[in-house]
Amino acid sequence: MVKTVSVVKTVSVASAVSVVKTVRMTLVRAAVVVALAGAGALFGVVQPAGAAAPAVTATAPAAAAHPAAAPAQQPQPVPVDVVKAYFAAINNDEFEAAWALGGKNTSGRPYDSFVTANQGTDQNVVTVDSVAGNKVTVTYDLTLINGSHQRFTGTYTVQDGVIVTADVHRV
């Protein structure tokens, strides 16, 4: 036979109100964290995996006294990474990406001609010789689909994540 025992605890009204206020404040803080995380996702801000949620403090009155700060600008890609991405896009036959990364500024020809010229290549093996500010000097060995090789060297100038000029010549 199972015997059920009920335990009744007497709680004062003041104590119950205190518990309700604490729970309510915790829920409000959690809602603010969820709202901030949602806004961060909306604007492309991602918390690293395993990162703790940011601490929430009440700063609304102080924030209201100051004008809104300008949104932080996204950091520009490193010029050498842009040049590498440009050649990787060509190597992978991603001609739209290569065009957007600077092919439109360096080819001196329309998009269709840019694609045709680069479809004749099998692979570009790029060596970065130097980087000075936004100028990236490279040497690359171009293997054509017929198996022949051509070697080039030159400097690519990058602004705002795009190659804007290229001074390249065959070696």
C-alpha atoms as a PDB file:
ATOM      1  CA  MET A   1       0.000   0.000   0.000  1.00  0.00           C
ATOM      2  CA  VAL A   2       1.273   3.471  -0.984  1.00  0.00           C
ATOM      3  CA  LYS A   3       0.767   6.279   1.452  1.00  0.00           C
ATOM      4  CA  THR A   4       0.615   9.888   0.188  1.00  0.00           C
ATOM      5  CA  VAL A   5       1.872  12.611   2.435  1.00  0.00           C
ATOM      6  CA  SER A   6       1.031  16.249   1.784  1.00  0.00           C
ATOM      7  CA  VAL A   7       3.256  18.974   3.069  1.00  0.00           C
ATOM      8  CA  VAL A   8       1.778  22.402   3.460  1.00  0.00           C
ATOM      9  CA  LYS A   9       4.116  25.312   3.961  1.00  0.00           C
ATOM     10  CA  THR A  10       2.847  28.634   5.119  1.00  0.00           C
ATOM     11  CA  VAL A  11       4.267  31.559   3.164  1.00  0.00           C
ATOM     12  CA  SER A  12       3.687  35.153   4.068  1.00  0.00           C
ATOM     13  CA  VAL A  13       2.146  37.465   1.484  1.00  0.00           C
ATOM     14  CA  ALA A  14       5.243  39.708   1.553  1.00  0.00           C
ATOM     15  CA  SER A  15       7.470  36.730   0.823  1.00  0.00           C
ATOM     16  CA  ALA A  16       5.256  35.613  -2.085  1.00  0.00           C
ATOM     17  CA  VAL A  17       5.272  39.125  -3.579  1.00  0.00           C
ATOM     18  CA  SER A  18       9.067  39.224  -3.328  1.00  0.00           C
ATOM     19  CA  VAL A  19       9.359  35.889  -5.156  1.00  0.00           C
ATOM     20  CA  VAL A  20       6.966  37.066  -7.908  1.00  0.00           C
ATOM     21  CA  LYS A  21       8.962  40.299  -8.385  1.00  0.00           C
ATOM     22  CA  THR A  22      12.235  38.355  -8.635  1.00  0.00           C
ATOM     23  CA  VAL A  23      10.771  35.931 -11.174  1.00  0.00           C
ATOM     24  CA  ARG A  24       9.241  38.797 -13.181  1.00  0.00           C
ATOM     25  CA  MET A  25      12.596  40.698 -13.282  1.00  0.00           C
ATOM     26  CA  THR A  26      14.398  37.543 -14.383  1.00  0.00           C
ATOM     27  CA  LEU A  27      11.850  37.018 -17.175  1.00  0.00           C
ATOM     28  CA  VAL A  28      12.172  40.652 -18.289  1.00  0.00           C
ATOM     29  CA  ARG A  29      15.970  40.347 -18.416  1.00  0.00           C
ATOM     30  CA  ALA A  30      15.701  37.116 -20.383  1.00  0.00           C
ATOM     31  CA  ALA A  31      13.291  38.787 -22.830  1.00  0.00           C
ATOM     32  CA  VAL A  32      15.716  41.686 -23.322  1.00  0.00           C
ATOM     33  CA  VAL A  33      18.573  39.260 -24.031  1.00  0.00           C
ATOM     34  CA  VAL A  34      16.400  37.364 -26.538  1.00  0.00           C
ATOM     35  CA  ALA A  35      15.358  40.638 -28.200  1.00  0.00           C
ATOM     36  CA  LEU A  36      18.962  41.819 -28.434  1.00  0.00           C
ATOM     37  CA  ALA A  37      20.085  38.481 -29.839  1.00  0.00           C
ATOM     38  CA  GLY A  38      17.277  38.658 -32.400  1.00  0.00           C
ATOM     39  CA  ALA A  39      18.277  42.198 -33.376  1.00  0.00           C
ATOM     40  CA  GLY A  40      21.876  41.064 -33.653  1.00  0.00           C
ATOM     41  CA  ALA A  41      20.828  38.275 -36.014  1.00  0.00           C
ATOM     42  CA  LEU A  42      18.782  40.761 -38.041  1.00  0.00           C
ATOM     43  CA  PHE A  43      21.835  42.997 -38.480  1.00  0.00           C
ATOM     44  CA  GLY A  44      24.295  40.160 -39.094  1.00  0.00           C
ATOM     45  CA  VAL A  45      25.862  40.059 -35.619  1.00  0.00           C
ATOM     46  CA  VAL A  46      26.556  36.488 -34.569  1.00  0.00           C
ATOM     47  CA  GLN A  47      27.637  35.319 -31.153  1.00  0.00           C
ATOM     48  CA  PRO A  48      30.486  32.778 -31.294  1.00  0.00           C
ATOM     49  CA  ALA A  49      29.417  29.211 -30.541  1.00  0.00           C
ATOM     50  CA  GLY A  50      29.456  28.588 -26.826  1.00  0.00           C
ATOM     51  CA  ALA A  51      29.666  32.286 -25.964  1.00  0.00           C
ATOM     52  CA  ALA A  52      27.699  33.382 -22.946  1.00  0.00           C
ATOM     53  CA  ALA A  53      24.838  35.786 -23.467  1.00  0.00           C
ATOM     54  CA  PRO A  54      25.807  39.391 -22.810  1.00  0.00           C
ATOM     55  CA  ALA A  55      25.031  40.769 -19.391  1.00  0.00           C
ATOM     56  CA  VAL A  56      21.973  42.996 -19.348  1.00  0.00           C
ATOM     57  CA  THR A  57      21.999  46.195 -17.340  1.00  0.00           C
ATOM     58  CA  ALA A  58      19.419  48.910 -17.191  1.00  0.00           C
ATOM     59  CA  THR A  59      20.849  51.895 -19.074  1.00  0.00           C
ATOM     60  CA  ALA A  60      17.795  53.273 -20.810  1.00  0.00           C
ATOM     61  CA  PRO A  61      17.718  56.641 -18.978  1.00  0.00           C
ATOM     62  CA  ALA A  62      21.401  57.331 -19.706  1.00  0.00           C
ATOM     63  CA  ALA A  63      21.065  56.194 -23.316  1.00  0.00           C
ATOM     64  CA  ALA A  64      18.097  58.489 -23.871  1.00  0.00           C
ATOM     65  CA  ALA A  65      20.205  61.484 -22.862  1.00  0.00           C
ATOM     66  CA  HIS A  66      22.708  60.819 -25.678  1.00  0.00           C
ATOM     67  CA  PRO A  67      22.009  60.894 -29.402  1.00  0.00           C
ATOM     68  CA  ALA A  68      22.096  57.549 -31.193  1.00  0.00           C
ATOM     69  CA  ALA A  69      25.581  56.455 -32.196  1.00  0.00           C
ATOM     70  CA  ALA A  70      26.295  55.794 -35.846  1.00  0.00           C
ATOM     71  CA  PRO A  71      26.256  52.092 -36.683  1.00  0.00           C
ATOM     72  CA  ALA A  72      29.684  50.493 -36.706  1.00  0.00           C
ATOM     73  CA  GLN A  73      31.101  49.996 -40.178  1.00  0.00           C
ATOM     74  CA  GLN A  74      31.940  46.495 -41.285  1.00  0.00           C
ATOM     75  CA  PRO A  75      35.691  45.995 -41.554  1.00  0.00           C
ATOM     76  CA  GLN A  76      36.972  45.960 -45.112  1.00  0.00           C
ATOM     77  CA  PRO A  77      38.489  42.749 -46.425  1.00  0.00           C
ATOM     78  CA  VAL A  78      42.282  42.554 -46.361  1.00  0.00           C
ATOM     79  CA  PRO A  79      43.583  43.404 -49.871  1.00  0.00           C
ATOM     80  CA  VAL A  80      45.642  40.210 -50.183  1.00  0.00           C
ATOM     81  CA  ASP A  81      42.515  38.162 -49.369  1.00  0.00           C
ATOM     82  CA  VAL A  82      40.589  39.951 -52.130  1.00  0.00           C
ATOM     83  CA  VAL A  83      43.290  39.129 -54.696  1.00  0.00           C
ATOM     84  CA  LYS A  84      43.417  35.492 -53.559  1.00  0.00           C
ATOM     85  CA  ALA A  85      39.622  35.265 -53.728  1.00  0.00           C
ATOM     86  CA  TYR A  86      39.703  36.721 -57.255  1.00  0.00           C
ATOM     87  CA  PHE A  87      42.068  34.006 -58.496  1.00  0.00           C
ATOM     88  CA  ALA A  88      40.218  31.290 -56.560  1.00  0.00           C
ATOM     89  CA  ALA A  89      36.978  32.368 -58.261  1.00  0.00           C
ATOM     90  CA  ILE A  90      38.642  32.127 -61.686  1.00  0.00           C
ATOM     91  CA  ASN A  91      40.112  28.710 -60.824  1.00  0.00           C
ATOM     92  CA  ASN A  92      36.643  27.501 -59.777  1.00  0.00           C
ATOM     93  CA  ASP A  93      34.918  28.920 -62.884  1.00  0.00           C
ATOM     94  CA  GLU A  94      32.982  31.339 -60.646  1.00  0.00           C
ATOM     95  CA  PHE A  95      33.241  34.129 -63.191  1.00  0.00           C
ATOM     96  CA  GLU A  96      30.473  36.295 -61.735  1.00  0.00           C
ATOM     97  CA  ALA A  97      32.337  36.371 -58.412  1.00  0.00           C
ATOM     98  CA  ALA A  98      35.662  37.124 -60.139  1.00  0.00           C
ATOM     99  CA  TRP A  99      33.967  39.892 -62.139  1.00  0.00           C
ATOM    100  CA  ALA A 100      32.536  41.406 -58.948  1.00  0.00           C
ATOM    101  CA  LEU A 101      35.901  41.137 -57.140  1.00  0.00           C
ATOM    102  CA  GLY A 102      37.527  43.296 -59.797  1.00  0.00           C
ATOM    103  CA  GLY A 103      37.466  41.610 -63.187  1.00  0.00           C
ATOM    104  CA  LYS A 104      35.129  44.386 -64.323  1.00  0.00           C
ATOM    105  CA  ASN A 105      37.873  46.923 -63.501  1.00  0.00           C
ATOM    106  CA  THR A 106      40.913  45.071 -64.793  1.00  0.00           C
ATOM    107  CA  SER A 107      39.881  43.229 -67.937  1.00  0.00           C
ATOM    108  CA  GLY A 108      39.118  46.196 -70.169  1.00  0.00           C
ATOM    109  CA  ARG A 109      36.441  44.132 -71.880  1.00  0.00           C
ATOM    110  CA  PRO A 110      32.786  43.191 -71.395  1.00  0.00           C
ATOM    111  CA  TYR A 111      31.768  40.372 -69.063  1.00  0.00           C
ATOM    112  CA  ASP A 112      31.225  37.822 -71.862  1.00  0.00           C
ATOM    113  CA  SER A 113      34.774  38.393 -73.165  1.00  0.00           C
ATOM    114  CA  PHE A 114      36.144  38.132 -69.612  1.00  0.00           C
ATOM    115  CA  VAL A 115      34.428  34.748 -69.218  1.00  0.00           C
ATOM    116  CA  THR A 116      35.627  33.499 -72.610  1.00  0.00           C
ATOM    117  CA  ALA A 117      39.231  34.496 -71.879  1.00  0.00           C
ATOM    118  CA  ASN A 118      39.224  32.803 -68.487  1.00  0.00           C
ATOM    119  CA  GLN A 119      37.472  29.628 -69.650  1.00  0.00           C
ATOM    120  CA  GLY A 120      40.639  28.855 -71.598  1.00  0.00           C
ATOM    121  CA  THR A 121      42.585  28.576 -68.350  1.00  0.00           C
ATOM    122  CA  ASP A 122      42.933  25.394 -66.361  1.00  0.00           C
ATOM    123  CA  GLN A 123      44.510  26.855 -63.238  1.00  0.00           C
ATOM    124  CA  ASN A 124      46.243  29.931 -61.852  1.00  0.00           C
ATOM    125  CA  VAL A 125      48.911  29.199 -59.244  1.00  0.00           C
ATOM    126  CA  VAL A 126      49.416  32.489 -57.436  1.00  0.00           C
ATOM    127  CA  THR A 127      52.357  33.517 -55.267  1.00  0.00           C
ATOM    128  CA  VAL A 128      52.046  36.725 -53.260  1.00  0.00           C
ATOM    129  CA  ASP A 129      55.337  38.585 -53.590  1.00  0.00           C
ATOM    130  CA  SER A 130      54.533  41.591 -51.401  1.00  0.00           C
ATOM    131  CA  VAL A 131      51.769  43.659 -49.856  1.00  0.00           C
ATOM    132  CA  ALA A 132      52.087  47.404 -49.306  1.00  0.00           C
ATOM    133  CA  GLY A 133      48.912  49.002 -48.022  1.00  0.00           C
ATOM    134  CA  ASN A 134      46.227  48.296 -50.589  1.00  0.00           C
ATOM    135  CA  LYS A 135      48.683  47.134 -53.298  1.00  0.00           C
ATOM    136  CA  VAL A 136      49.290  43.408 -53.693  1.00  0.00           C
ATOM    137  CA  THR A 137      52.128  42.227 -55.941  1.00  0.00           C
ATOM    138  CA  VAL A 138      51.841  38.669 -57.212  1.00  0.00           C
ATOM    139  CA  THR A 139      53.442  36.263 -59.624  1.00  0.00           C
ATOM    140  CA  TYR A 140      51.232  33.616 -61.136  1.00  0.00           C
ATOM    141  CA  ASP A 141      51.693  30.640 -63.344  1.00  0.00           C
ATOM    142  CA  LEU A 142      48.768  30.219 -65.685  1.00  0.00           C
ATOM    143  CA  THR A 143      48.114  26.734 -67.020  1.00  0.00           C
ATOM    144  CA  LEU A 144      45.954  26.732 -70.142  1.00  0.00           C
ATOM    145  CA  ILE A 145      43.559  23.902 -70.950  1.00  0.00           C
ATOM    146  CA  ASN A 146      45.943  22.755 -73.702  1.00  0.00           C
ATOM    147  CA  GLY A 147      48.619  22.167 -71.028  1.00  0.00           C
ATOM    148  CA  SER A 148      50.856  25.122 -71.902  1.00  0.00           C
ATOM    149  CA  HIS A 149      52.074  27.546 -69.241  1.00  0.00           C
ATOM    150  CA  GLN A 150      52.334  31.308 -69.101  1.00  0.00           C
ATOM    151  CA  ARG A 151      53.899  33.297 -66.265  1.00  0.00           C
ATOM    152  CA  PHE A 152      52.758  36.761 -65.208  1.00  0.00           C
ATOM    153  CA  THR A 153      53.695  39.268 -62.536  1.00  0.00           C
ATOM    154  CA  GLY A 154      51.909  42.389 -61.478  1.00  0.00           C
ATOM    155  CA  THR A 155      50.358  44.600 -58.869  1.00  0.00           C
ATOM    156  CA  TYR A 156      46.676  44.702 -57.977  1.00  0.00           C
ATOM    157  CA  THR A 157      45.249  47.728 -56.166  1.00  0.00           C
ATOM    158  CA  VAL A 158      42.297  47.008 -53.862  1.00  0.00           C
ATOM    159  CA  GLN A 159      39.799  49.548 -52.507  1.00  0.00           C
ATOM    160  CA  ASP A 160      36.669  48.773 -50.502  1.00  0.00           C
ATOM    161  CA  GLY A 161      37.084  45.034 -51.044  1.00  0.00           C
ATOM    162  CA  VAL A 162      37.373  45.253 -54.856  1.00  0.00           C
ATOM    163  CA  ILE A 163      40.359  45.226 -57.208  1.00  0.00           C
ATOM    164  CA  VAL A 164      40.248  48.646 -58.894  1.00  0.00           C
ATOM    165  CA  THR A 165      43.391  48.492 -61.030  1.00  0.00           C
ATOM    166  CA  ALA A 166      45.907  45.940 -62.198  1.00  0.00           C
ATOM    167  CA  ASP A 167      49.335  46.449 -63.718  1.00  0.00           C
ATOM    168  CA  VAL A 168      50.206  42.966 -64.981  1.00  0.00           C
ATOM    169  CA  HIS A 169      52.659  41.781 -67.609  1.00  0.00           C
ATOM    170  CA  ARG A 170      53.906  38.485 -68.951  1.00  0.00           C
ATOM    171  CA  VAL A 171      57.317  37.371 -67.697  1.00  0.00           C
END
